[in-house]
Amino acid sequence: MTEFKPKRPPNRQPTHPGELMRETIEEHLGISISEAARRMEVTRQALHDVLRGEAKVTADMALRFSAIGGGTAELLLAMQDNYDLWQARRRLAPTLRRIEHARA
């Protein structure tokens, strides 16, 4: 997979892919969240949790979303990876600074 290089300031949190999904559902597909969940064959709550950024976009969810016309699964998964990596860097920053680099 090609490395994803964001075009945003490094201290600005990346967009959770759920935000893109919500915009696509409401503005571009013009359907309700309930209708999108029905078409994707997931619960409304499961979709709602992703759209609010409270749950991760899984490979299954990305493929289902792509199937209703919501772009590519690969983009959503790359966005999720970028979001997760940014969160982990912030959470682990003190620990990472203490880890000694191994020298050969």
N, C-alpha and C. Protein backbone atom coordinates (compact mmCIF):
# COMPACT_ATOMS: atom_id res chain seq x y z
N MET A 1 0.85 -1.17 0.00
CA MET A 1 0.00 0.00 0.00
C MET A 1 0.89 1.24 0.00
N THR A 2 0.54 2.24 -0.75
CA THR A 2 1.28 3.48 -0.83
C THR A 2 1.10 4.27 0.46
N GLU A 3 2.18 4.91 0.90
CA GLU A 3 2.09 5.72 2.11
C GLU A 3 1.20 6.93 1.86
N PHE A 4 0.32 7.19 2.83
CA PHE A 4 -0.60 8.31 2.75
C PHE A 4 0.06 9.52 3.39
N LYS A 5 0.23 10.59 2.62
CA LYS A 5 0.86 11.81 3.13
C LYS A 5 -0.18 12.93 3.16
N PRO A 6 -0.66 13.28 4.36
CA PRO A 6 -1.69 14.31 4.47
C PRO A 6 -1.16 15.69 4.12
N LYS A 7 -2.04 16.54 3.61
CA LYS A 7 -1.71 17.92 3.27
C LYS A 7 -2.34 18.85 4.31
N ARG A 8 -1.98 18.64 5.57
CA ARG A 8 -2.51 19.44 6.65
C ARG A 8 -1.40 19.68 7.67
N PRO A 9 -1.56 20.66 8.52
CA PRO A 9 -0.56 20.88 9.56
C PRO A 9 -0.41 19.63 10.43
N PRO A 10 0.81 19.26 10.83
CA PRO A 10 1.02 18.01 11.57
C PRO A 10 0.30 17.95 12.91
N ASN A 11 0.01 19.09 13.55
CA ASN A 11 -0.68 19.03 14.82
C ASN A 11 -2.20 19.11 14.69
N ARG A 12 -2.70 19.18 13.48
CA ARG A 12 -4.16 19.16 13.27
C ARG A 12 -4.61 17.72 13.10
N GLN A 13 -5.59 17.35 13.90
CA GLN A 13 -6.11 15.98 13.85
C GLN A 13 -6.67 15.67 12.47
N PRO A 14 -6.35 14.50 11.92
CA PRO A 14 -6.92 14.12 10.62
C PRO A 14 -8.44 13.94 10.72
N THR A 15 -9.07 14.04 9.61
CA THR A 15 -10.51 13.83 9.55
C THR A 15 -10.80 12.35 9.72
N HIS A 16 -11.73 12.04 10.61
CA HIS A 16 -12.18 10.65 10.75
C HIS A 16 -12.98 10.31 9.49
N PRO A 17 -12.79 9.12 8.92
CA PRO A 17 -13.50 8.78 7.68
C PRO A 17 -15.02 8.80 7.82
N GLY A 18 -15.51 8.68 9.04
CA GLY A 18 -16.96 8.76 9.27
C GLY A 18 -17.53 10.11 8.85
N GLU A 19 -16.72 11.18 8.99
CA GLU A 19 -17.19 12.50 8.57
C GLU A 19 -17.41 12.54 7.06
N LEU A 20 -16.48 11.96 6.32
CA LEU A 20 -16.63 11.89 4.87
C LEU A 20 -17.84 11.03 4.50
N MET A 21 -18.02 9.93 5.21
CA MET A 21 -19.15 9.05 4.94
C MET A 21 -20.47 9.77 5.20
N ARG A 22 -20.54 10.51 6.30
CA ARG A 22 -21.78 11.24 6.62
C ARG A 22 -22.10 12.25 5.52
N GLU A 23 -21.10 13.01 5.11
CA GLU A 23 -21.30 14.00 4.06
C GLU A 23 -21.76 13.33 2.77
N THR A 24 -21.15 12.22 2.44
CA THR A 24 -21.51 11.51 1.21
C THR A 24 -22.95 11.02 1.27
N ILE A 25 -23.33 10.43 2.39
CA ILE A 25 -24.69 9.90 2.54
C ILE A 25 -25.71 11.02 2.44
N GLU A 26 -25.51 12.08 3.20
CA GLU A 26 -26.51 13.13 3.28
C GLU A 26 -26.54 14.04 2.05
N GLU A 27 -25.36 14.44 1.58
CA GLU A 27 -25.33 15.44 0.51
C GLU A 27 -25.24 14.86 -0.89
N HIS A 28 -24.44 13.81 -1.06
CA HIS A 28 -24.21 13.29 -2.41
C HIS A 28 -25.17 12.16 -2.78
N LEU A 29 -25.44 11.27 -1.82
CA LEU A 29 -26.38 10.20 -2.11
C LEU A 29 -27.82 10.63 -1.84
N GLY A 30 -27.98 11.61 -0.95
CA GLY A 30 -29.30 12.15 -0.65
C GLY A 30 -30.23 11.16 0.03
N ILE A 31 -29.67 10.31 0.89
CA ILE A 31 -30.51 9.35 1.62
C ILE A 31 -30.29 9.55 3.11
N SER A 32 -31.21 9.03 3.91
CA SER A 32 -31.09 9.14 5.36
C SER A 32 -30.08 8.12 5.88
N ILE A 33 -29.65 8.33 7.09
CA ILE A 33 -28.73 7.40 7.74
C ILE A 33 -29.42 6.04 7.90
N SER A 34 -30.70 6.07 8.24
CA SER A 34 -31.45 4.82 8.39
C SER A 34 -31.51 4.06 7.07
N GLU A 35 -31.75 4.78 5.98
CA GLU A 35 -31.81 4.13 4.67
C GLU A 35 -30.44 3.60 4.26
N ALA A 36 -29.39 4.36 4.53
CA ALA A 36 -28.05 3.89 4.21
C ALA A 36 -27.74 2.61 4.99
N ALA A 37 -28.09 2.60 6.28
CA ALA A 37 -27.85 1.41 7.11
C ALA A 37 -28.62 0.21 6.57
N ARG A 38 -29.86 0.43 6.17
CA ARG A 38 -30.67 -0.65 5.61
C ARG A 38 -30.03 -1.21 4.35
N ARG A 39 -29.61 -0.32 3.44
CA ARG A 39 -28.98 -0.76 2.19
C ARG A 39 -27.65 -1.47 2.44
N MET A 40 -26.92 -1.01 3.44
CA MET A 40 -25.61 -1.60 3.75
C MET A 40 -25.75 -2.89 4.57
N GLU A 41 -26.97 -3.16 5.04
CA GLU A 41 -27.26 -4.33 5.87
C GLU A 41 -26.46 -4.32 7.17
N VAL A 42 -26.45 -3.14 7.81
CA VAL A 42 -25.87 -2.97 9.14
C VAL A 42 -26.91 -2.28 10.00
N THR A 43 -26.72 -2.31 11.31
CA THR A 43 -27.67 -1.61 12.17
C THR A 43 -27.45 -0.11 12.03
N ARG A 44 -28.52 0.61 12.28
CA ARG A 44 -28.43 2.07 12.25
C ARG A 44 -27.42 2.54 13.29
N GLN A 45 -27.42 1.89 14.45
CA GLN A 45 -26.49 2.27 15.53
C GLN A 45 -25.04 2.06 15.11
N ALA A 46 -24.75 0.94 14.46
CA ALA A 46 -23.37 0.66 14.02
C ALA A 46 -22.90 1.74 13.04
N LEU A 47 -23.76 2.09 12.09
CA LEU A 47 -23.40 3.13 11.12
C LEU A 47 -23.27 4.48 11.82
N HIS A 48 -24.21 4.78 12.70
CA HIS A 48 -24.20 6.05 13.42
C HIS A 48 -22.91 6.20 14.24
N ASP A 49 -22.46 5.13 14.88
CA ASP A 49 -21.21 5.18 15.67
C ASP A 49 -20.01 5.52 14.79
N VAL A 50 -19.97 4.97 13.59
CA VAL A 50 -18.88 5.29 12.65
C VAL A 50 -18.99 6.75 12.20
N LEU A 51 -20.17 7.17 11.85
CA LEU A 51 -20.37 8.53 11.35
C LEU A 51 -20.03 9.59 12.40
N ARG A 52 -20.19 9.25 13.68
CA ARG A 52 -19.84 10.17 14.76
C ARG A 52 -18.37 10.09 15.14
N GLY A 53 -17.64 9.15 14.52
CA GLY A 53 -16.22 8.99 14.85
C GLY A 53 -15.99 8.21 16.11
N GLU A 54 -17.00 7.53 16.62
CA GLU A 54 -16.87 6.76 17.85
C GLU A 54 -16.50 5.31 17.59
N ALA A 55 -16.57 4.89 16.34
CA ALA A 55 -16.16 3.53 15.96
C ALA A 55 -15.30 3.64 14.72
N LYS A 56 -14.42 2.65 14.57
CA LYS A 56 -13.52 2.63 13.42
C LYS A 56 -14.24 2.15 12.17
N VAL A 57 -13.75 2.61 11.03
CA VAL A 57 -14.21 2.06 9.75
C VAL A 57 -13.42 0.78 9.53
N THR A 58 -14.13 -0.34 9.56
CA THR A 58 -13.51 -1.64 9.33
C THR A 58 -13.50 -1.92 7.83
N ALA A 59 -12.80 -2.96 7.44
CA ALA A 59 -12.80 -3.37 6.03
C ALA A 59 -14.22 -3.71 5.59
N ASP A 60 -14.98 -4.40 6.44
CA ASP A 60 -16.36 -4.75 6.10
C ASP A 60 -17.21 -3.50 5.86
N MET A 61 -17.10 -2.55 6.78
CA MET A 61 -17.91 -1.32 6.67
C MET A 61 -17.49 -0.53 5.44
N ALA A 62 -16.19 -0.46 5.17
CA ALA A 62 -15.70 0.28 4.00
C ALA A 62 -16.22 -0.35 2.70
N LEU A 63 -16.24 -1.66 2.63
CA LEU A 63 -16.74 -2.34 1.43
C LEU A 63 -18.24 -2.13 1.26
N ARG A 64 -18.98 -2.20 2.35
CA ARG A 64 -20.43 -1.98 2.29
C ARG A 64 -20.74 -0.55 1.84
N PHE A 65 -19.99 0.40 2.41
CA PHE A 65 -20.21 1.80 2.06
C PHE A 65 -19.88 2.04 0.59
N SER A 66 -18.80 1.46 0.14
CA SER A 66 -18.40 1.58 -1.27
C SER A 66 -19.48 1.02 -2.19
N ALA A 67 -20.12 -0.06 -1.76
CA ALA A 67 -21.14 -0.72 -2.58
C ALA A 67 -22.38 0.15 -2.81
N ILE A 68 -22.68 1.04 -1.88
CA ILE A 68 -23.85 1.90 -2.10
C ILE A 68 -23.49 3.17 -2.87
N GLY A 69 -22.25 3.29 -3.26
CA GLY A 69 -21.85 4.44 -4.06
C GLY A 69 -21.04 5.46 -3.31
N GLY A 70 -20.41 5.03 -2.21
CA GLY A 70 -19.69 5.96 -1.37
C GLY A 70 -18.20 5.98 -1.56
N GLY A 71 -17.71 5.86 -2.78
CA GLY A 71 -16.27 5.95 -3.02
C GLY A 71 -15.58 4.61 -2.84
N THR A 72 -14.27 4.68 -2.61
CA THR A 72 -13.51 3.43 -2.54
C THR A 72 -13.25 3.02 -1.10
N ALA A 73 -13.28 1.73 -0.89
CA ALA A 73 -12.95 1.17 0.43
C ALA A 73 -11.52 1.52 0.79
N GLU A 74 -10.63 1.52 -0.18
CA GLU A 74 -9.22 1.81 0.07
C GLU A 74 -9.02 3.20 0.65
N LEU A 75 -9.75 4.19 0.14
CA LEU A 75 -9.63 5.55 0.66
C LEU A 75 -10.07 5.60 2.12
N LEU A 76 -11.21 4.99 2.42
CA LEU A 76 -11.73 5.02 3.79
C LEU A 76 -10.76 4.33 4.75
N LEU A 77 -10.18 3.21 4.33
CA LEU A 77 -9.24 2.50 5.20
C LEU A 77 -7.94 3.28 5.37
N ALA A 78 -7.49 3.95 4.33
CA ALA A 78 -6.29 4.80 4.44
C ALA A 78 -6.55 5.96 5.40
N MET A 79 -7.74 6.55 5.31
CA MET A 79 -8.10 7.63 6.23
C MET A 79 -8.14 7.12 7.67
N GLN A 80 -8.71 5.93 7.87
CA GLN A 80 -8.79 5.36 9.22
C GLN A 80 -7.39 5.09 9.77
N ASP A 81 -6.52 4.52 8.94
CA ASP A 81 -5.14 4.26 9.37
C ASP A 81 -4.43 5.56 9.75
N ASN A 82 -4.61 6.59 8.95
CA ASN A 82 -3.98 7.89 9.22
C ASN A 82 -4.51 8.48 10.53
N TYR A 83 -5.81 8.38 10.73
CA TYR A 83 -6.45 8.87 11.95
C TYR A 83 -5.91 8.12 13.17
N ASP A 84 -5.85 6.78 13.08
CA ASP A 84 -5.37 5.95 14.18
C ASP A 84 -3.91 6.22 14.50
N LEU A 85 -3.09 6.37 13.47
CA LEU A 85 -1.67 6.63 13.67
C LEU A 85 -1.45 7.99 14.34
N TRP A 86 -2.19 8.99 13.94
CA TRP A 86 -2.08 10.32 14.55
C TRP A 86 -2.44 10.24 16.04
N GLN A 87 -3.54 9.52 16.35
CA GLN A 87 -3.98 9.36 17.74
C GLN A 87 -2.91 8.64 18.56
N ALA A 88 -2.35 7.56 17.99
CA ALA A 88 -1.32 6.78 18.70
C ALA A 88 -0.07 7.61 18.94
N ARG A 89 0.34 8.41 17.95
CA ARG A 89 1.52 9.27 18.13
C ARG A 89 1.34 10.23 19.29
N ARG A 90 0.19 10.82 19.38
CA ARG A 90 -0.08 11.76 20.49
C ARG A 90 -0.11 11.03 21.83
N ARG A 91 -0.78 9.88 21.85
CA ARG A 91 -0.92 9.13 23.09
C ARG A 91 0.43 8.58 23.57
N LEU A 92 1.27 8.15 22.64
CA LEU A 92 2.54 7.51 23.00
C LEU A 92 3.75 8.43 22.98
N ALA A 93 3.56 9.70 22.68
CA ALA A 93 4.69 10.63 22.53
C ALA A 93 5.69 10.56 23.69
N PRO A 94 5.25 10.61 24.94
CA PRO A 94 6.23 10.55 26.02
C PRO A 94 7.01 9.22 26.04
N THR A 95 6.34 8.14 25.79
CA THR A 95 6.99 6.82 25.77
C THR A 95 7.97 6.73 24.61
N LEU A 96 7.57 7.19 23.45
CA LEU A 96 8.43 7.11 22.28
C LEU A 96 9.70 7.92 22.44
N ARG A 97 9.60 9.06 23.16
CA ARG A 97 10.79 9.87 23.40
C ARG A 97 11.78 9.15 24.32
N ARG A 98 11.27 8.27 25.19
CA ARG A 98 12.16 7.56 26.13
C ARG A 98 12.81 6.32 25.52
N ILE A 99 12.26 5.80 24.43
CA ILE A 99 12.79 4.58 23.83
C ILE A 99 14.09 4.88 23.12
N GLU A 100 15.12 4.14 23.49
CA GLU A 100 16.43 4.31 22.85
C GLU A 100 16.45 3.64 21.49
N HIS A 101 17.02 4.33 20.53
CA HIS A 101 17.17 3.77 19.19
C HIS A 101 18.29 2.75 19.22
N ALA A 102 18.04 1.56 18.70
CA ALA A 102 19.07 0.51 18.68
C ALA A 102 20.10 0.85 17.63
N ARG A 103 21.34 0.70 17.98
CA ARG A 103 22.43 0.97 17.04
C ARG A 103 23.11 -0.34 16.68
N ALA A 104 23.36 -0.51 15.39
CA ALA A 104 23.97 -1.76 14.92
C ALA A 104 25.45 -1.79 15.20
